[in-house]
Amino acid sequence: MTHPLVLQLRFTRSEFLRAIDGVSDADARRRILPMNCISWNVGHLAWQEQRYWLWRGQGAYLLPRVNEQYAYGAPASTPPLAEALDSWRTITQAADPWLETLNADKLLEPHPFSGNPQDGQFTFGTLMQRVIYHYWYHTGENMSIRQQLGHHGLPEFVGNIDDEAPFIAG
């Protein structure tokens, strides 16, 4: 059975995509300072999912260029939306089978951040929450960008969480 936190991640991903549905490439590449553009935000979340689920979880970097272009602190850029979405889809699809293996024990198991004991530890449960909250942050940012660009008919509230990701007692 899929862990409830993984279900929440999947719902959050779908809401992130819903918030950019219908955005043109030109608008996705417009940067309203100090924010990044929508397409960069898509690539940035692909970077985080790759970093956590593929690299930390499985020891693999599927798309090394994503680390260079979209990492926290990377130079600002305005990539094509289709390119960013393709990277995002490739990474999230590659991560999904591994995410299906997670259970409460695996989510709570401590892992070192690096080979240096002073760097501390993480759990995949905490990283999962970090990713979910990071998605919501950028979903709001993307909606703000869209409002500033004059887009109309935007989603006004969280989607169908009752059916797609209801609360499940742990």
C-alpha atoms as a PDB file:
ATOM      1  CA  MET A   1       0.000   0.000   0.000  1.00  0.00           C
ATOM      2  CA  THR A   2       1.266   3.465  -0.874  1.00  0.00           C
ATOM      3  CA  HIS A   3       2.294   5.408   2.218  1.00  0.00           C
ATOM      4  CA  PRO A   4      -0.054   8.369   2.954  1.00  0.00           C
ATOM      5  CA  LEU A   5       2.837  10.845   2.743  1.00  0.00           C
ATOM      6  CA  VAL A   6       3.621   9.633  -0.781  1.00  0.00           C
ATOM      7  CA  LEU A   7      -0.049  10.139  -1.681  1.00  0.00           C
ATOM      8  CA  GLN A   8       0.223  13.702  -0.388  1.00  0.00           C
ATOM      9  CA  LEU A   9       3.325  14.270  -2.522  1.00  0.00           C
ATOM     10  CA  ARG A  10       1.512  13.019  -5.619  1.00  0.00           C
ATOM     11  CA  PHE A  11      -1.477  15.250  -4.906  1.00  0.00           C
ATOM     12  CA  THR A  12       0.836  18.200  -4.373  1.00  0.00           C
ATOM     13  CA  ARG A  13       2.559  17.507  -7.693  1.00  0.00           C
ATOM     14  CA  SER A  14      -0.819  17.448  -9.435  1.00  0.00           C
ATOM     15  CA  GLU A  15      -1.775  20.780  -7.864  1.00  0.00           C
ATOM     16  CA  PHE A  16       1.554  22.256  -8.954  1.00  0.00           C
ATOM     17  CA  LEU A  17       0.795  21.220 -12.535  1.00  0.00           C
ATOM     18  CA  ARG A  18      -2.803  22.444 -12.284  1.00  0.00           C
ATOM     19  CA  ALA A  19      -1.512  25.877 -11.290  1.00  0.00           C
ATOM     20  CA  ILE A  20       0.549  26.168 -14.489  1.00  0.00           C
ATOM     21  CA  ASP A  21      -1.954  24.561 -16.850  1.00  0.00           C
ATOM     22  CA  GLY A  22      -2.366  26.657 -19.977  1.00  0.00           C
ATOM     23  CA  VAL A  23       0.700  28.838 -19.403  1.00  0.00           C
ATOM     24  CA  SER A  24       2.418  29.727 -22.667  1.00  0.00           C
ATOM     25  CA  ASP A  25       6.141  29.243 -23.089  1.00  0.00           C
ATOM     26  CA  ALA A  26       6.604  32.997 -23.381  1.00  0.00           C
ATOM     27  CA  ASP A  27       4.786  33.652 -20.101  1.00  0.00           C
ATOM     28  CA  ALA A  28       6.536  30.750 -18.352  1.00  0.00           C
ATOM     29  CA  ARG A  29       9.873  32.334 -19.261  1.00  0.00           C
ATOM     30  CA  ARG A  30       8.993  35.847 -18.061  1.00  0.00           C
ATOM     31  CA  ARG A  31      10.863  36.801 -14.957  1.00  0.00           C
ATOM     32  CA  ILE A  32       9.284  39.285 -12.579  1.00  0.00           C
ATOM     33  CA  LEU A  33      12.033  40.247 -10.175  1.00  0.00           C
ATOM     34  CA  PRO A  34      12.975  39.199  -7.606  1.00  0.00           C
ATOM     35  CA  MET A  35      11.191  35.932  -8.415  1.00  0.00           C
ATOM     36  CA  ASN A  36      12.407  33.294 -10.816  1.00  0.00           C
ATOM     37  CA  CYS A  37      10.242  32.474 -13.808  1.00  0.00           C
ATOM     38  CA  ILE A  38       7.667  29.683 -13.835  1.00  0.00           C
ATOM     39  CA  SER A  39       9.721  27.393 -16.070  1.00  0.00           C
ATOM     40  CA  TRP A  40      12.740  27.714 -13.769  1.00  0.00           C
ATOM     41  CA  ASN A  41      10.527  26.806 -10.806  1.00  0.00           C
ATOM     42  CA  VAL A  42       9.471  23.627 -12.611  1.00  0.00           C
ATOM     43  CA  GLY A  43      13.095  22.677 -13.196  1.00  0.00           C
ATOM     44  CA  HIS A  44      13.988  23.602  -9.630  1.00  0.00           C
ATOM     45  CA  LEU A  45      11.462  21.133  -8.218  1.00  0.00           C
ATOM     46  CA  ALA A  46      12.769  18.502 -10.636  1.00  0.00           C
ATOM     47  CA  TRP A  47      16.217  19.228  -9.155  1.00  0.00           C
ATOM     48  CA  GLN A  48      14.950  18.686  -5.617  1.00  0.00           C
ATOM     49  CA  GLU A  49      13.149  15.456  -6.448  1.00  0.00           C
ATOM     50  CA  GLN A  50      16.222  14.156  -8.258  1.00  0.00           C
ATOM     51  CA  ARG A  51      18.459  15.156  -5.357  1.00  0.00           C
ATOM     52  CA  TYR A  52      16.307  13.496  -2.707  1.00  0.00           C
ATOM     53  CA  TRP A  53      14.688  10.473  -4.357  1.00  0.00           C
ATOM     54  CA  LEU A  54      17.201   9.508  -7.036  1.00  0.00           C
ATOM     55  CA  TRP A  55      20.536  10.587  -5.555  1.00  0.00           C
ATOM     56  CA  ARG A  56      19.980  10.305  -1.787  1.00  0.00           C
ATOM     57  CA  GLY A  57      17.507   7.435  -2.146  1.00  0.00           C
ATOM     58  CA  GLN A  58      19.125   5.431  -4.914  1.00  0.00           C
ATOM     59  CA  GLY A  59      22.595   6.861  -5.520  1.00  0.00           C
ATOM     60  CA  ALA A  60      21.849   7.980  -9.082  1.00  0.00           C
ATOM     61  CA  TYR A  61      21.735  11.241 -11.014  1.00  0.00           C
ATOM     62  CA  LEU A  62      19.485  10.700 -14.010  1.00  0.00           C
ATOM     63  CA  LEU A  63      19.842  14.210 -15.483  1.00  0.00           C
ATOM     64  CA  PRO A  64      23.093  15.870 -14.310  1.00  0.00           C
ATOM     65  CA  ARG A  65      22.286  19.085 -16.230  1.00  0.00           C
ATOM     66  CA  VAL A  66      19.297  19.606 -13.918  1.00  0.00           C
ATOM     67  CA  ASN A  67      21.727  19.898 -11.003  1.00  0.00           C
ATOM     68  CA  GLU A  68      23.725  22.547 -12.835  1.00  0.00           C
ATOM     69  CA  GLN A  69      20.810  24.598 -14.126  1.00  0.00           C
ATOM     70  CA  TYR A  70      18.216  24.462 -11.347  1.00  0.00           C
ATOM     71  CA  ALA A  71      20.025  23.889  -8.048  1.00  0.00           C
ATOM     72  CA  TYR A  72      19.466  26.271  -5.173  1.00  0.00           C
ATOM     73  CA  GLY A  73      21.843  29.152  -5.823  1.00  0.00           C
ATOM     74  CA  ALA A  74      22.242  28.392  -9.545  1.00  0.00           C
ATOM     75  CA  PRO A  75      22.353  31.429 -11.828  1.00  0.00           C
ATOM     76  CA  ALA A  76      18.966  32.734 -12.886  1.00  0.00           C
ATOM     77  CA  SER A  77      17.756  31.512 -16.248  1.00  0.00           C
ATOM     78  CA  THR A  78      14.593  31.448 -18.322  1.00  0.00           C
ATOM     79  CA  PRO A  79      14.480  27.943 -19.843  1.00  0.00           C
ATOM     80  CA  PRO A  80      11.811  26.733 -22.242  1.00  0.00           C
ATOM     81  CA  LEU A  81       8.803  25.402 -20.364  1.00  0.00           C
ATOM     82  CA  ALA A  82       8.678  22.192 -22.419  1.00  0.00           C
ATOM     83  CA  GLU A  83      12.303  21.433 -21.528  1.00  0.00           C
ATOM     84  CA  ALA A  84      11.714  22.013 -17.802  1.00  0.00           C
ATOM     85  CA  LEU A  85       8.529  19.928 -17.812  1.00  0.00           C
ATOM     86  CA  ASP A  86      10.250  17.124 -19.700  1.00  0.00           C
ATOM     87  CA  SER A  87      12.997  17.020 -17.058  1.00  0.00           C
ATOM     88  CA  TRP A  88      10.416  17.158 -14.276  1.00  0.00           C
ATOM     89  CA  ARG A  89       8.375  14.307 -15.776  1.00  0.00           C
ATOM     90  CA  THR A  90      11.452  12.170 -16.430  1.00  0.00           C
ATOM     91  CA  ILE A  91      12.667  12.558 -12.852  1.00  0.00           C
ATOM     92  CA  THR A  92       9.312  12.143 -11.110  1.00  0.00           C
ATOM     93  CA  GLN A  93       8.474   9.053 -13.180  1.00  0.00           C
ATOM     94  CA  ALA A  94      11.870   7.566 -12.334  1.00  0.00           C
ATOM     95  CA  ALA A  95      11.353   8.341  -8.636  1.00  0.00           C
ATOM     96  CA  ASP A  96       7.852   6.899  -8.350  1.00  0.00           C
ATOM     97  CA  PRO A  97       8.754   3.172  -8.182  1.00  0.00           C
ATOM     98  CA  TRP A  98      11.211   3.893  -5.361  1.00  0.00           C
ATOM     99  CA  LEU A  99       8.659   6.065  -3.551  1.00  0.00           C
ATOM    100  CA  GLU A 100       6.257   3.102  -3.657  1.00  0.00           C
ATOM    101  CA  THR A 101       8.727   1.101  -1.527  1.00  0.00           C
ATOM    102  CA  LEU A 102       8.611   3.579   1.349  1.00  0.00           C
ATOM    103  CA  ASN A 103       6.887   2.630   4.565  1.00  0.00           C
ATOM    104  CA  ALA A 104       6.919   4.227   8.022  1.00  0.00           C
ATOM    105  CA  ASP A 105      10.145   2.464   9.023  1.00  0.00           C
ATOM    106  CA  LYS A 106      11.985   3.587   5.880  1.00  0.00           C
ATOM    107  CA  LEU A 107      10.644   7.134   6.242  1.00  0.00           C
ATOM    108  CA  LEU A 108      11.956   7.322   9.833  1.00  0.00           C
ATOM    109  CA  GLU A 109      15.351   5.661   9.263  1.00  0.00           C
ATOM    110  CA  PRO A 110      18.223   8.134   9.777  1.00  0.00           C
ATOM    111  CA  HIS A 111      20.777   8.614   6.988  1.00  0.00           C
ATOM    112  CA  PRO A 112      23.978  10.697   7.077  1.00  0.00           C
ATOM    113  CA  PHE A 113      23.962  13.865   4.974  1.00  0.00           C
ATOM    114  CA  SER A 114      27.516  13.093   3.907  1.00  0.00           C
ATOM    115  CA  GLY A 115      30.507  11.068   5.016  1.00  0.00           C
ATOM    116  CA  ASN A 116      31.233  13.722   7.649  1.00  0.00           C
ATOM    117  CA  PRO A 117      29.480  12.934  10.983  1.00  0.00           C
ATOM    118  CA  GLN A 118      29.354  16.671  11.776  1.00  0.00           C
ATOM    119  CA  ASP A 119      26.998  17.199   8.838  1.00  0.00           C
ATOM    120  CA  GLY A 120      24.199  15.450  10.704  1.00  0.00           C
ATOM    121  CA  GLN A 121      21.483  13.146   9.463  1.00  0.00           C
ATOM    122  CA  PHE A 122      18.185  13.212   7.622  1.00  0.00           C
ATOM    123  CA  THR A 123      15.162  10.978   7.265  1.00  0.00           C
ATOM    124  CA  PHE A 124      13.214  10.489   4.072  1.00  0.00           C
ATOM    125  CA  GLY A 125      10.072  11.394   6.003  1.00  0.00           C
ATOM    126  CA  THR A 126      11.416  14.853   6.777  1.00  0.00           C
ATOM    127  CA  LEU A 127      12.695  15.237   3.212  1.00  0.00           C
ATOM    128  CA  MET A 128       9.240  14.257   1.944  1.00  0.00           C
ATOM    129  CA  GLN A 129       7.652  16.997   4.007  1.00  0.00           C
ATOM    130  CA  ARG A 130      10.282  19.459   2.798  1.00  0.00           C
ATOM    131  CA  VAL A 131       9.505  18.611  -0.839  1.00  0.00           C
ATOM    132  CA  ILE A 132       5.747  18.897  -0.318  1.00  0.00           C
ATOM    133  CA  TYR A 133       6.055  22.291   1.368  1.00  0.00           C
ATOM    134  CA  HIS A 134       8.518  23.430  -1.283  1.00  0.00           C
ATOM    135  CA  TYR A 135       5.964  22.574  -3.982  1.00  0.00           C
ATOM    136  CA  TRP A 136       3.296  24.620  -2.221  1.00  0.00           C
ATOM    137  CA  TYR A 137       5.683  27.560  -1.899  1.00  0.00           C
ATOM    138  CA  HIS A 138       6.389  27.570  -5.642  1.00  0.00           C
ATOM    139  CA  THR A 139       2.757  26.873  -6.502  1.00  0.00           C
ATOM    140  CA  GLY A 140       1.859  30.103  -4.727  1.00  0.00           C
ATOM    141  CA  GLU A 141       4.753  31.929  -6.361  1.00  0.00           C
ATOM    142  CA  ASN A 142       3.687  30.704  -9.803  1.00  0.00           C
ATOM    143  CA  MET A 143       0.122  31.826  -9.158  1.00  0.00           C
ATOM    144  CA  SER A 144       1.423  35.246  -8.135  1.00  0.00           C
ATOM    145  CA  ILE A 145       3.436  35.469 -11.353  1.00  0.00           C
ATOM    146  CA  ARG A 146       0.367  34.499 -13.366  1.00  0.00           C
ATOM    147  CA  GLN A 147      -1.754  37.128 -11.620  1.00  0.00           C
ATOM    148  CA  GLN A 148       0.875  39.766 -12.352  1.00  0.00           C
ATOM    149  CA  LEU A 149       0.895  38.680 -15.999  1.00  0.00           C
ATOM    150  CA  GLY A 150      -2.870  39.265 -16.101  1.00  0.00           C
ATOM    151  CA  HIS A 151      -3.991  35.637 -16.395  1.00  0.00           C
ATOM    152  CA  HIS A 152      -7.655  35.003 -15.614  1.00  0.00           C
ATOM    153  CA  GLY A 153      -9.677  31.965 -14.541  1.00  0.00           C
ATOM    154  CA  LEU A 154      -6.937  30.690 -12.255  1.00  0.00           C
ATOM    155  CA  PRO A 155      -7.514  28.015  -9.614  1.00  0.00           C
ATOM    156  CA  GLU A 156      -8.615  29.687  -6.400  1.00  0.00           C
ATOM    157  CA  PHE A 157      -8.258  26.880  -3.891  1.00  0.00           C
ATOM    158  CA  VAL A 158      -6.758  23.456  -3.337  1.00  0.00           C
ATOM    159  CA  GLY A 159      -8.256  20.856  -5.677  1.00  0.00           C
ATOM    160  CA  ASN A 160     -10.071  17.624  -4.896  1.00  0.00           C
ATOM    161  CA  ILE A 161      -8.041  16.486  -1.902  1.00  0.00           C
ATOM    162  CA  ASP A 162     -11.055  14.617  -0.490  1.00  0.00           C
ATOM    163  CA  ASP A 163     -10.899  12.054  -3.281  1.00  0.00           C
ATOM    164  CA  GLU A 164      -7.282  12.288  -4.426  1.00  0.00           C
ATOM    165  CA  ALA A 165      -5.390  12.469  -1.124  1.00  0.00           C
ATOM    166  CA  PRO A 166      -7.701  12.246   1.892  1.00  0.00           C
ATOM    167  CA  PHE A 167      -6.396  12.064   5.401  1.00  0.00           C
ATOM    168  CA  ILE A 168      -5.412   8.516   6.329  1.00  0.00           C
ATOM    169  CA  ALA A 169      -4.686   7.742   9.967  1.00  0.00           C
ATOM    170  CA  GLY A 170      -1.125   6.453  10.308  1.00  0.00           C
END
